[in-house]
Amino acid sequence: MTQFKFGFTAKPAFSVEDFVMSEANREAFSWIMEWPKWPGNALLLHGPESSGKTHLAHIWAAKSGAEFSNDAEKSALVVENIESFANQEKLFHLINRMKEKTVNGKGGWLLLTANVPAAQLPLTLPDLASRLKAIPSVVLNPPDDQLLKSVLMKLFSDRQLKVPAVAIDFILSRMDRSFPDAAVLVEKLDQLSAEEKRGITIPLVKRVMK
């Protein structure tokens, strides 16, 4: 069956209902859902690229009213990819300021994300390294088959693509086991499907994966 594209841009769905859970991310999901019963005011989510950190951050933001910002005047913040934070001293003061707000009963909730644990971050400021190591952290593990299959289905759904189960199983049996690879593959299949105005079938998949 021909699938027609109407210029829609793929927009990830970041609601709690859209989160795909397996043993690889169950603990991290539980931490997010347990808020505000955290042992402190902050949490560090770490895991490989495209492992679900941003999705969990959006779920938490919806629960807590947090903003994706580094403005310490807000009551709750999400700061993503802290390994890329240009000013380590500013991040250090931000963490301290949010802690102070908690002590004073003014919120101060903070969710940080990174690709690696705090101990592996490329930090040159000892005080910041100490602060981050003191924050509770939880890992999102590499995907298992169940999770990777579910993620493939979600990526196709985000692009409004209907893909036969046999084609998804074919992809799963041959692809590299990572979320970034899954995202790149789905994008290529989407583009070729649109160019040729045809559905995503095993022959089409073979051409993209050869």
N, C-alpha and C. Protein backbone atom coordinates (compact mmCIF):
# COMPACT_ATOMS: atom_id res chain seq x y z
N MET A 1 0.85 -1.20 0.00
CA MET A 1 0.00 0.00 0.00
C MET A 1 0.88 1.24 0.00
N THR A 2 0.56 2.19 -0.85
CA THR A 2 1.33 3.43 -0.92
C THR A 2 1.06 4.31 0.29
N GLN A 3 2.13 4.86 0.86
CA GLN A 3 1.97 5.79 1.97
C GLN A 3 2.33 7.18 1.48
N PHE A 4 1.40 8.11 1.60
CA PHE A 4 1.64 9.47 1.14
C PHE A 4 2.08 10.34 2.31
N LYS A 5 3.07 11.17 2.05
CA LYS A 5 3.59 12.09 3.06
C LYS A 5 3.08 13.50 2.77
N PHE A 6 2.72 14.24 3.80
CA PHE A 6 2.16 15.56 3.61
C PHE A 6 3.01 16.64 4.29
N GLY A 7 4.32 16.39 4.36
CA GLY A 7 5.21 17.43 4.88
C GLY A 7 5.22 17.54 6.38
N PHE A 8 4.70 16.54 7.10
CA PHE A 8 4.74 16.59 8.55
C PHE A 8 6.17 16.37 9.03
N THR A 9 6.58 17.10 10.06
CA THR A 9 7.87 16.90 10.67
C THR A 9 7.72 15.92 11.81
N ALA A 10 8.63 14.94 11.88
CA ALA A 10 8.57 13.97 12.96
C ALA A 10 8.73 14.70 14.30
N LYS A 11 7.78 14.51 15.18
CA LYS A 11 7.81 15.17 16.48
C LYS A 11 7.71 14.11 17.56
N PRO A 12 8.78 13.91 18.33
CA PRO A 12 8.74 12.87 19.36
C PRO A 12 7.63 13.12 20.36
N ALA A 13 7.02 12.03 20.80
CA ALA A 13 5.98 12.12 21.83
C ALA A 13 6.63 11.85 23.17
N PHE A 14 6.56 12.80 24.09
CA PHE A 14 7.28 12.71 25.34
C PHE A 14 6.37 12.54 26.56
N SER A 15 5.17 12.04 26.37
CA SER A 15 4.28 11.84 27.52
C SER A 15 4.65 10.56 28.24
N VAL A 16 4.14 10.41 29.46
CA VAL A 16 4.41 9.19 30.22
C VAL A 16 3.80 7.98 29.53
N GLU A 17 2.67 8.19 28.84
CA GLU A 17 2.03 7.08 28.13
C GLU A 17 2.87 6.58 26.97
N ASP A 18 3.72 7.45 26.42
CA ASP A 18 4.54 7.08 25.27
C ASP A 18 5.89 6.50 25.65
N PHE A 19 6.19 6.49 26.95
CA PHE A 19 7.49 5.97 27.36
C PHE A 19 7.51 4.46 27.23
N VAL A 20 8.55 3.94 26.59
CA VAL A 20 8.71 2.50 26.38
C VAL A 20 9.61 1.95 27.47
N MET A 21 9.07 1.05 28.29
CA MET A 21 9.80 0.58 29.46
C MET A 21 10.22 -0.87 29.33
N SER A 22 11.42 -1.17 29.82
CA SER A 22 11.91 -2.54 29.92
C SER A 22 12.86 -2.59 31.11
N GLU A 23 13.51 -3.71 31.31
CA GLU A 23 14.46 -3.81 32.43
C GLU A 23 15.60 -2.83 32.28
N ALA A 24 15.86 -2.38 31.06
CA ALA A 24 16.98 -1.47 30.81
C ALA A 24 16.75 -0.08 31.42
N ASN A 25 15.49 0.31 31.58
CA ASN A 25 15.22 1.68 32.06
C ASN A 25 14.20 1.72 33.20
N ARG A 26 13.82 0.54 33.71
CA ARG A 26 12.75 0.49 34.72
C ARG A 26 13.13 1.27 35.99
N GLU A 27 14.37 1.13 36.44
CA GLU A 27 14.78 1.81 37.67
C GLU A 27 14.75 3.32 37.50
N ALA A 28 15.24 3.81 36.35
CA ALA A 28 15.24 5.25 36.10
C ALA A 28 13.81 5.79 36.07
N PHE A 29 12.92 5.04 35.40
CA PHE A 29 11.51 5.46 35.34
C PHE A 29 10.92 5.53 36.75
N SER A 30 11.26 4.54 37.58
CA SER A 30 10.72 4.52 38.95
C SER A 30 11.17 5.74 39.74
N TRP A 31 12.43 6.14 39.56
CA TRP A 31 12.92 7.35 40.25
C TRP A 31 12.11 8.58 39.84
N ILE A 32 11.87 8.71 38.56
CA ILE A 32 11.12 9.87 38.08
C ILE A 32 9.71 9.87 38.66
N MET A 33 9.08 8.71 38.66
CA MET A 33 7.70 8.63 39.14
C MET A 33 7.61 8.77 40.65
N GLU A 34 8.72 8.52 41.37
CA GLU A 34 8.72 8.63 42.84
C GLU A 34 8.83 10.07 43.31
N TRP A 35 9.23 10.99 42.41
CA TRP A 35 9.30 12.39 42.83
C TRP A 35 7.93 12.82 43.38
N PRO A 36 7.87 13.59 44.46
CA PRO A 36 8.96 14.31 45.15
C PRO A 36 9.56 13.57 46.35
N LYS A 37 9.46 12.26 46.37
CA LYS A 37 10.00 11.49 47.50
C LYS A 37 11.46 11.11 47.29
N TRP A 38 12.21 12.00 46.63
CA TRP A 38 13.64 11.77 46.45
C TRP A 38 14.37 12.00 47.77
N PRO A 39 15.53 11.35 47.97
CA PRO A 39 16.29 11.58 49.21
C PRO A 39 16.91 12.96 49.30
N GLY A 40 16.98 13.66 48.19
CA GLY A 40 17.50 15.02 48.17
C GLY A 40 16.72 15.85 47.18
N ASN A 41 17.25 16.99 46.80
CA ASN A 41 16.53 17.88 45.89
C ASN A 41 16.89 17.63 44.42
N ALA A 42 17.89 16.76 44.18
CA ALA A 42 18.39 16.61 42.81
C ALA A 42 18.58 15.15 42.43
N LEU A 43 18.61 14.91 41.11
CA LEU A 43 18.86 13.58 40.57
C LEU A 43 19.65 13.72 39.29
N LEU A 44 20.62 12.81 39.09
CA LEU A 44 21.39 12.77 37.85
C LEU A 44 20.99 11.51 37.07
N LEU A 45 20.44 11.71 35.88
CA LEU A 45 20.16 10.61 34.96
C LEU A 45 21.33 10.48 34.00
N HIS A 46 21.89 9.29 33.88
CA HIS A 46 22.97 9.13 32.91
C HIS A 46 22.78 7.85 32.11
N GLY A 47 23.23 7.91 30.87
CA GLY A 47 23.09 6.79 29.97
C GLY A 47 23.53 7.20 28.58
N PRO A 48 23.68 6.24 27.67
CA PRO A 48 24.15 6.56 26.32
C PRO A 48 23.20 7.47 25.57
N GLU A 49 23.69 8.06 24.51
CA GLU A 49 22.89 8.95 23.68
C GLU A 49 21.59 8.27 23.24
N SER A 50 20.51 9.02 23.29
CA SER A 50 19.18 8.55 22.85
C SER A 50 18.67 7.37 23.66
N SER A 51 19.09 7.26 24.92
CA SER A 51 18.64 6.15 25.75
C SER A 51 17.33 6.43 26.46
N GLY A 52 16.81 7.66 26.34
CA GLY A 52 15.54 7.99 26.97
C GLY A 52 15.64 9.06 28.03
N LYS A 53 16.81 9.66 28.19
CA LYS A 53 16.97 10.68 29.23
C LYS A 53 16.05 11.88 29.01
N THR A 54 16.00 12.36 27.76
CA THR A 54 15.16 13.52 27.46
C THR A 54 13.68 13.20 27.67
N HIS A 55 13.28 12.01 27.30
CA HIS A 55 11.88 11.62 27.48
C HIS A 55 11.54 11.62 28.97
N LEU A 56 12.41 11.01 29.79
CA LEU A 56 12.16 11.00 31.24
C LEU A 56 12.19 12.41 31.81
N ALA A 57 13.06 13.26 31.26
CA ALA A 57 13.11 14.64 31.73
C ALA A 57 11.80 15.36 31.44
N HIS A 58 11.20 15.11 30.29
CA HIS A 58 9.92 15.73 29.96
C HIS A 58 8.81 15.19 30.87
N ILE A 59 8.85 13.92 31.18
CA ILE A 59 7.86 13.35 32.09
C ILE A 59 7.97 14.01 33.46
N TRP A 60 9.21 14.15 33.92
CA TRP A 60 9.41 14.79 35.22
C TRP A 60 9.00 16.26 35.19
N ALA A 61 9.32 16.94 34.11
CA ALA A 61 8.95 18.35 34.00
C ALA A 61 7.43 18.52 34.06
N ALA A 62 6.70 17.59 33.43
CA ALA A 62 5.24 17.65 33.46
C ALA A 62 4.72 17.44 34.88
N LYS A 63 5.39 16.58 35.65
CA LYS A 63 4.98 16.32 37.03
C LYS A 63 5.33 17.47 37.97
N SER A 64 6.51 18.04 37.77
CA SER A 64 7.05 18.99 38.74
C SER A 64 6.86 20.45 38.36
N GLY A 65 6.50 20.69 37.09
CA GLY A 65 6.42 22.06 36.61
C GLY A 65 7.78 22.64 36.29
N ALA A 66 8.79 21.79 36.15
CA ALA A 66 10.15 22.26 35.89
C ALA A 66 10.29 22.83 34.49
N GLU A 67 11.28 23.70 34.34
CA GLU A 67 11.61 24.28 33.04
C GLU A 67 12.97 23.79 32.59
N PHE A 68 13.14 23.63 31.28
CA PHE A 68 14.43 23.28 30.71
C PHE A 68 15.24 24.56 30.61
N SER A 69 16.04 24.82 31.62
CA SER A 69 16.71 26.11 31.73
C SER A 69 17.85 25.98 32.74
N ASN A 70 18.70 27.00 32.78
CA ASN A 70 19.72 27.07 33.84
C ASN A 70 19.53 28.35 34.67
N ASP A 71 18.29 28.81 34.74
CA ASP A 71 17.92 30.00 35.50
C ASP A 71 17.62 29.58 36.94
N ALA A 72 18.52 29.90 37.84
CA ALA A 72 18.41 29.48 39.23
C ALA A 72 17.24 30.13 39.96
N GLU A 73 16.58 31.10 39.34
CA GLU A 73 15.44 31.72 39.98
C GLU A 73 14.17 30.87 39.86
N LYS A 74 14.20 29.87 39.02
CA LYS A 74 13.05 28.97 38.87
C LYS A 74 13.00 28.00 40.04
N SER A 75 11.81 27.45 40.31
CA SER A 75 11.67 26.55 41.45
C SER A 75 12.06 25.12 41.11
N ALA A 76 12.04 24.77 39.83
CA ALA A 76 12.43 23.42 39.42
C ALA A 76 13.04 23.50 38.02
N LEU A 77 14.16 22.79 37.83
CA LEU A 77 14.89 22.90 36.57
C LEU A 77 15.31 21.54 36.03
N VAL A 78 15.36 21.47 34.70
CA VAL A 78 16.02 20.37 34.00
C VAL A 78 17.23 20.96 33.28
N VAL A 79 18.40 20.40 33.54
CA VAL A 79 19.62 20.82 32.84
C VAL A 79 20.18 19.57 32.16
N GLU A 80 20.11 19.57 30.82
CA GLU A 80 20.53 18.39 30.07
C GLU A 80 21.99 18.49 29.62
N ASN A 81 22.56 17.31 29.38
CA ASN A 81 23.92 17.21 28.80
C ASN A 81 24.92 18.06 29.58
N ILE A 82 25.03 17.81 30.86
CA ILE A 82 25.89 18.68 31.68
C ILE A 82 27.36 18.54 31.30
N GLU A 83 27.74 17.45 30.59
CA GLU A 83 29.12 17.34 30.16
C GLU A 83 29.46 18.42 29.12
N SER A 84 28.41 19.02 28.53
CA SER A 84 28.63 20.06 27.52
C SER A 84 28.47 21.46 28.11
N PHE A 85 28.22 21.54 29.41
CA PHE A 85 28.03 22.84 30.07
C PHE A 85 29.34 23.63 29.98
N ALA A 86 29.30 24.77 29.33
CA ALA A 86 30.53 25.51 29.03
C ALA A 86 31.19 26.09 30.28
N ASN A 87 30.39 26.52 31.25
CA ASN A 87 30.93 27.21 32.43
C ASN A 87 30.71 26.32 33.66
N GLN A 88 31.73 25.60 34.05
CA GLN A 88 31.60 24.67 35.17
C GLN A 88 31.33 25.40 36.48
N GLU A 89 31.91 26.57 36.64
CA GLU A 89 31.67 27.33 37.87
C GLU A 89 30.21 27.75 37.96
N LYS A 90 29.61 28.12 36.82
CA LYS A 90 28.20 28.50 36.82
C LYS A 90 27.32 27.31 37.19
N LEU A 91 27.67 26.12 36.68
CA LEU A 91 26.90 24.92 37.03
C LEU A 91 27.03 24.62 38.52
N PHE A 92 28.22 24.79 39.06
CA PHE A 92 28.46 24.59 40.49
C PHE A 92 27.57 25.51 41.32
N HIS A 93 27.54 26.78 40.96
CA HIS A 93 26.72 27.75 41.71
C HIS A 93 25.23 27.47 41.52
N LEU A 94 24.86 26.99 40.34
CA LEU A 94 23.45 26.66 40.09
C LEU A 94 23.01 25.52 41.02
N ILE A 95 23.83 24.50 41.14
CA ILE A 95 23.50 23.37 42.02
C ILE A 95 23.38 23.87 43.46
N ASN A 96 24.31 24.72 43.89
CA ASN A 96 24.27 25.25 45.26
C ASN A 96 23.02 26.10 45.48
N ARG A 97 22.70 26.93 44.50
CA ARG A 97 21.54 27.83 44.63
C ARG A 97 20.25 27.04 44.73
N MET A 98 20.12 25.98 43.93
CA MET A 98 18.91 25.17 43.99
C MET A 98 18.80 24.45 45.33
N LYS A 99 19.94 24.04 45.87
CA LYS A 99 19.93 23.41 47.20
C LYS A 99 19.49 24.40 48.26
N GLU A 100 19.96 25.63 48.17
CA GLU A 100 19.55 26.67 49.12
C GLU A 100 18.06 26.91 49.06
N LYS A 101 17.50 26.91 47.85
CA LYS A 101 16.06 27.14 47.71
C LYS A 101 15.28 26.02 48.38
N THR A 102 15.80 24.80 48.32
CA THR A 102 15.14 23.67 48.99
C THR A 102 15.14 23.88 50.50
N VAL A 103 16.28 24.26 51.03
CA VAL A 103 16.40 24.49 52.48
C VAL A 103 15.43 25.58 52.93
N ASN A 104 15.23 26.57 52.09
CA ASN A 104 14.35 27.69 52.44
C ASN A 104 12.88 27.44 52.06
N GLY A 105 12.58 26.23 51.61
CA GLY A 105 11.21 25.89 51.27
C GLY A 105 10.69 26.55 50.01
N LYS A 106 11.59 26.84 49.06
CA LYS A 106 11.20 27.53 47.83
C LYS A 106 11.41 26.65 46.59
N GLY A 107 11.24 25.37 46.77
CA GLY A 107 11.42 24.46 45.64
C GLY A 107 12.86 23.98 45.57
N GLY A 108 13.52 24.33 44.46
CA GLY A 108 14.91 23.94 44.32
C GLY A 108 15.13 22.57 43.72
N TRP A 109 14.11 22.02 43.10
CA TRP A 109 14.24 20.70 42.48
C TRP A 109 15.09 20.79 41.21
N LEU A 110 15.93 19.77 41.02
CA LEU A 110 16.88 19.82 39.92
C LEU A 110 17.08 18.42 39.32
N LEU A 111 16.88 18.32 38.01
CA LEU A 111 17.15 17.08 37.28
C LEU A 111 18.26 17.35 36.27
N LEU A 112 19.34 16.59 36.38
CA LEU A 112 20.48 16.72 35.49
C LEU A 112 20.59 15.47 34.63
N THR A 113 21.06 15.63 33.40
CA THR A 113 21.30 14.46 32.56
C THR A 113 22.72 14.51 32.00
N ALA A 114 23.27 13.32 31.75
CA ALA A 114 24.62 13.21 31.19
C ALA A 114 24.74 11.86 30.48
N ASN A 115 25.72 11.74 29.63
CA ASN A 115 25.95 10.48 28.92
C ASN A 115 26.73 9.48 29.76
N VAL A 116 27.42 9.97 30.79
CA VAL A 116 28.26 9.10 31.62
C VAL A 116 28.01 9.43 33.09
N PRO A 117 28.43 8.53 34.01
CA PRO A 117 28.29 8.83 35.44
C PRO A 117 29.11 10.05 35.84
N ALA A 118 28.78 10.59 37.01
CA ALA A 118 29.47 11.80 37.49
C ALA A 118 30.98 11.60 37.56
N ALA A 119 31.41 10.42 37.97
CA ALA A 119 32.84 10.16 38.13
C ALA A 119 33.60 10.18 36.81
N GLN A 120 32.88 10.03 35.69
CA GLN A 120 33.53 10.00 34.38
C GLN A 120 33.37 11.31 33.60
N LEU A 121 32.73 12.29 34.18
CA LEU A 121 32.55 13.56 33.50
C LEU A 121 33.88 14.31 33.37
N PRO A 122 34.09 15.02 32.26
CA PRO A 122 35.35 15.75 32.05
C PRO A 122 35.37 17.06 32.83
N LEU A 123 35.50 16.96 34.14
CA LEU A 123 35.42 18.13 35.00
C LEU A 123 36.81 18.58 35.43
N THR A 124 37.00 19.90 35.47
CA THR A 124 38.26 20.47 35.93
C THR A 124 38.08 21.24 37.23
N LEU A 125 36.83 21.35 37.68
CA LEU A 125 36.53 22.07 38.93
C LEU A 125 36.25 21.05 40.03
N PRO A 126 37.17 20.87 40.96
CA PRO A 126 37.00 19.84 42.00
C PRO A 126 35.71 19.98 42.81
N ASP A 127 35.33 21.21 43.13
CA ASP A 127 34.12 21.42 43.93
C ASP A 127 32.88 20.93 43.18
N LEU A 128 32.85 21.15 41.86
CA LEU A 128 31.72 20.68 41.06
C LEU A 128 31.71 19.16 41.02
N ALA A 129 32.87 18.56 40.83
CA ALA A 129 32.95 17.10 40.81
C ALA A 129 32.43 16.52 42.12
N SER A 130 32.79 17.14 43.22
CA SER A 130 32.33 16.67 44.53
C SER A 130 30.82 16.80 44.67
N ARG A 131 30.26 17.93 44.22
CA ARG A 131 28.81 18.14 44.30
C ARG A 131 28.06 17.09 43.47
N LEU A 132 28.53 16.85 42.27
CA LEU A 132 27.83 15.93 41.38
C LEU A 132 27.90 14.49 41.90
N LYS A 133 29.03 14.10 42.48
CA LYS A 133 29.16 12.75 43.01
C LYS A 133 28.25 12.54 44.22
N ALA A 134 27.88 13.64 44.89
CA ALA A 134 27.01 13.54 46.06
C ALA A 134 25.53 13.45 45.69
N ILE A 135 25.20 13.78 44.43
CA ILE A 135 23.81 13.74 43.99
C ILE A 135 23.43 12.30 43.63
N PRO A 136 22.29 11.80 44.09
CA PRO A 136 21.85 10.47 43.68
C PRO A 136 21.78 10.37 42.16
N SER A 137 22.19 9.22 41.64
CA SER A 137 22.17 9.05 40.18
C SER A 137 21.59 7.70 39.83
N VAL A 138 21.06 7.62 38.62
CA VAL A 138 20.48 6.37 38.13
C VAL A 138 20.81 6.24 36.66
N VAL A 139 21.09 5.02 36.24
CA VAL A 139 21.56 4.78 34.87
C VAL A 139 20.43 4.24 34.00
N LEU A 140 20.44 4.66 32.75
CA LEU A 140 19.62 4.03 31.72
C LEU A 140 20.56 3.11 30.93
N ASN A 141 20.32 1.82 31.00
CA ASN A 141 21.23 0.84 30.41
C ASN A 141 21.02 0.70 28.91
N PRO A 142 22.01 0.11 28.21
CA PRO A 142 21.85 -0.15 26.77
C PRO A 142 20.60 -0.98 26.54
N PRO A 143 19.96 -0.83 25.39
CA PRO A 143 18.66 -1.48 25.15
C PRO A 143 18.75 -2.99 25.00
N ASP A 144 17.78 -3.69 25.56
CA ASP A 144 17.61 -5.11 25.27
C ASP A 144 16.70 -5.23 24.04
N ASP A 145 16.48 -6.46 23.57
CA ASP A 145 15.69 -6.65 22.34
C ASP A 145 14.27 -6.11 22.47
N GLN A 146 13.66 -6.35 23.63
CA GLN A 146 12.29 -5.89 23.84
C GLN A 146 12.20 -4.37 23.72
N LEU A 147 13.15 -3.69 24.37
CA LEU A 147 13.13 -2.23 24.35
C LEU A 147 13.45 -1.70 22.96
N LEU A 148 14.44 -2.29 22.30
CA LEU A 148 14.83 -1.80 20.98
C LEU A 148 13.69 -1.96 19.98
N LYS A 149 12.97 -3.06 20.06
CA LYS A 149 11.83 -3.26 19.16
C LYS A 149 10.75 -2.22 19.43
N SER A 150 10.48 -1.98 20.70
CA SER A 150 9.46 -0.99 21.06
C SER A 150 9.87 0.41 20.62
N VAL A 151 11.16 0.71 20.73
CA VAL A 151 11.65 2.02 20.30
C VAL A 151 11.52 2.18 18.79
N LEU A 152 11.85 1.12 18.05
CA LEU A 152 11.67 1.17 16.60
C LEU A 152 10.22 1.48 16.24
N MET A 153 9.30 0.80 16.90
CA MET A 153 7.88 1.01 16.62
C MET A 153 7.48 2.44 16.96
N LYS A 154 8.03 2.99 18.06
CA LYS A 154 7.71 4.36 18.44
C LYS A 154 8.28 5.36 17.45
N LEU A 155 9.52 5.12 17.00
CA LEU A 155 10.14 6.03 16.03
C LEU A 155 9.33 6.07 14.73
N PHE A 156 8.88 4.91 14.28
CA PHE A 156 8.04 4.87 13.08
C PHE A 156 6.71 5.59 13.34
N SER A 157 6.13 5.36 14.52
CA SER A 157 4.85 5.99 14.86
C SER A 157 4.99 7.51 14.91
N ASP A 158 6.11 8.01 15.47
CA ASP A 158 6.34 9.45 15.53
C ASP A 158 6.34 10.08 14.14
N ARG A 159 6.73 9.29 13.15
CA ARG A 159 6.78 9.78 11.76
C ARG A 159 5.52 9.38 10.98
N GLN A 160 4.54 8.88 11.68
CA GLN A 160 3.26 8.50 11.07
C GLN A 160 3.45 7.43 9.99
N LEU A 161 4.34 6.50 10.28
CA LEU A 161 4.62 5.41 9.35
C LEU A 161 4.07 4.10 9.91
N LYS A 162 3.34 3.38 9.08
CA LYS A 162 2.85 2.07 9.45
C LYS A 162 3.77 1.03 8.81
N VAL A 163 4.42 0.26 9.66
CA VAL A 163 5.41 -0.70 9.18
C VAL A 163 5.00 -2.11 9.62
N PRO A 164 4.97 -3.08 8.69
CA PRO A 164 4.58 -4.45 9.04
C PRO A 164 5.50 -5.03 10.11
N ALA A 165 4.94 -5.88 10.96
CA ALA A 165 5.73 -6.50 12.03
C ALA A 165 6.90 -7.30 11.48
N VAL A 166 6.70 -7.94 10.34
CA VAL A 166 7.78 -8.75 9.76
C VAL A 166 8.96 -7.87 9.36
N ALA A 167 8.67 -6.66 8.91
CA ALA A 167 9.74 -5.73 8.54
C ALA A 167 10.50 -5.25 9.77
N ILE A 168 9.77 -4.99 10.85
CA ILE A 168 10.42 -4.57 12.09
C ILE A 168 11.29 -5.69 12.64
N ASP A 169 10.79 -6.94 12.61
CA ASP A 169 11.59 -8.07 13.08
C ASP A 169 12.84 -8.25 12.22
N PHE A 170 12.69 -8.02 10.92
CA PHE A 170 13.83 -8.13 10.00
C PHE A 170 14.89 -7.09 10.37
N ILE A 171 14.46 -5.85 10.62
CA ILE A 171 15.37 -4.78 11.01
C ILE A 171 16.08 -5.15 12.32
N LEU A 172 15.30 -5.59 13.29
CA LEU A 172 15.83 -5.90 14.62
C LEU A 172 16.90 -6.98 14.56
N SER A 173 16.75 -7.93 13.68
CA SER A 173 17.70 -9.05 13.59
C SER A 173 19.01 -8.67 12.93
N ARG A 174 19.06 -7.49 12.31
CA ARG A 174 20.25 -7.12 11.55
C ARG A 174 20.89 -5.78 11.93
N MET A 175 20.20 -4.99 12.73
CA MET A 175 20.71 -3.66 13.02
C MET A 175 21.71 -3.67 14.18
N ASP A 176 22.51 -2.61 14.27
CA ASP A 176 23.37 -2.40 15.42
C ASP A 176 22.51 -2.12 16.64
N ARG A 177 22.95 -2.55 17.81
CA ARG A 177 22.12 -2.47 19.01
C ARG A 177 22.28 -1.14 19.72
N SER A 178 21.79 -0.08 19.14
CA SER A 178 21.87 1.21 19.80
C SER A 178 20.71 2.09 19.36
N PHE A 179 20.32 3.01 20.23
CA PHE A 179 19.24 3.94 19.91
C PHE A 179 19.61 4.90 18.79
N PRO A 180 20.82 5.48 18.78
CA PRO A 180 21.17 6.38 17.68
C PRO A 180 21.09 5.68 16.33
N ASP A 181 21.57 4.43 16.25
CA ASP A 181 21.50 3.70 14.99
C ASP A 181 20.05 3.47 14.57
N ALA A 182 19.19 3.18 15.55
CA ALA A 182 17.77 2.99 15.25
C ALA A 182 17.17 4.27 14.68
N ALA A 183 17.51 5.41 15.28
CA ALA A 183 16.97 6.69 14.81
C ALA A 183 17.43 7.02 13.40
N VAL A 184 18.73 6.78 13.11
CA VAL A 184 19.27 7.05 11.78
C VAL A 184 18.61 6.14 10.75
N LEU A 185 18.45 4.87 11.09
CA LEU A 185 17.85 3.92 10.16
C LEU A 185 16.41 4.29 9.84
N VAL A 186 15.64 4.65 10.86
CA VAL A 186 14.24 5.03 10.64
C VAL A 186 14.16 6.27 9.76
N GLU A 187 15.05 7.23 9.98
CA GLU A 187 15.06 8.44 9.15
C GLU A 187 15.34 8.11 7.69
N LYS A 188 16.32 7.23 7.45
CA LYS A 188 16.65 6.86 6.07
C LYS A 188 15.49 6.13 5.40
N LEU A 189 14.83 5.25 6.14
CA LEU A 189 13.69 4.52 5.59
C LEU A 189 12.54 5.47 5.30
N ASP A 190 12.34 6.43 6.18
CA ASP A 190 11.28 7.42 5.97
C ASP A 190 11.55 8.22 4.69
N GLN A 191 12.79 8.65 4.51
CA GLN A 191 13.14 9.45 3.34
C GLN A 191 12.96 8.65 2.05
N LEU A 192 13.46 7.41 2.04
CA LEU A 192 13.36 6.60 0.82
C LEU A 192 11.91 6.24 0.53
N SER A 193 11.15 5.95 1.56
CA SER A 193 9.73 5.63 1.39
C SER A 193 8.99 6.82 0.78
N ALA A 194 9.31 8.02 1.25
CA ALA A 194 8.66 9.22 0.73
C ALA A 194 9.07 9.50 -0.71
N GLU A 195 10.37 9.33 -0.99
CA GLU A 195 10.86 9.60 -2.35
C GLU A 195 10.22 8.66 -3.37
N GLU A 196 10.06 7.41 -2.99
CA GLU A 196 9.53 6.42 -3.94
C GLU A 196 8.03 6.20 -3.79
N LYS A 197 7.43 6.90 -2.82
CA LYS A 197 5.98 6.81 -2.60
C LYS A 197 5.54 5.35 -2.46
N ARG A 198 6.24 4.65 -1.58
CA ARG A 198 5.90 3.25 -1.33
C ARG A 198 6.06 2.96 0.16
N GLY A 199 5.39 1.90 0.60
CA GLY A 199 5.48 1.52 2.00
C GLY A 199 6.82 0.92 2.35
N ILE A 200 7.07 0.79 3.64
CA ILE A 200 8.32 0.22 4.12
C ILE A 200 8.17 -1.29 4.21
N THR A 201 8.85 -1.98 3.33
CA THR A 201 8.80 -3.44 3.25
C THR A 201 10.21 -3.99 3.43
N ILE A 202 10.32 -5.31 3.53
CA ILE A 202 11.63 -5.93 3.69
C ILE A 202 12.57 -5.61 2.53
N PRO A 203 12.11 -5.66 1.26
CA PRO A 203 13.01 -5.26 0.17
C PRO A 203 13.54 -3.83 0.32
N LEU A 204 12.69 -2.90 0.75
CA LEU A 204 13.14 -1.52 0.96
C LEU A 204 14.16 -1.46 2.10
N VAL A 205 13.89 -2.20 3.16
CA VAL A 205 14.81 -2.25 4.29
C VAL A 205 16.17 -2.79 3.85
N LYS A 206 16.16 -3.84 3.05
CA LYS A 206 17.41 -4.43 2.57
C LYS A 206 18.26 -3.41 1.81
N ARG A 207 17.61 -2.59 1.03
CA ARG A 207 18.34 -1.59 0.25
C ARG A 207 19.00 -0.55 1.16
N VAL A 208 18.30 -0.18 2.22
CA VAL A 208 18.84 0.82 3.13
C VAL A 208 19.95 0.24 4.00
N MET A 209 19.82 -1.03 4.36
CA MET A 209 20.77 -1.64 5.30
C MET A 209 21.94 -2.34 4.61
N LYS A 210 21.98 -2.37 3.30
CA LYS A 210 23.04 -3.10 2.61
C LYS A 210 24.42 -2.48 2.85
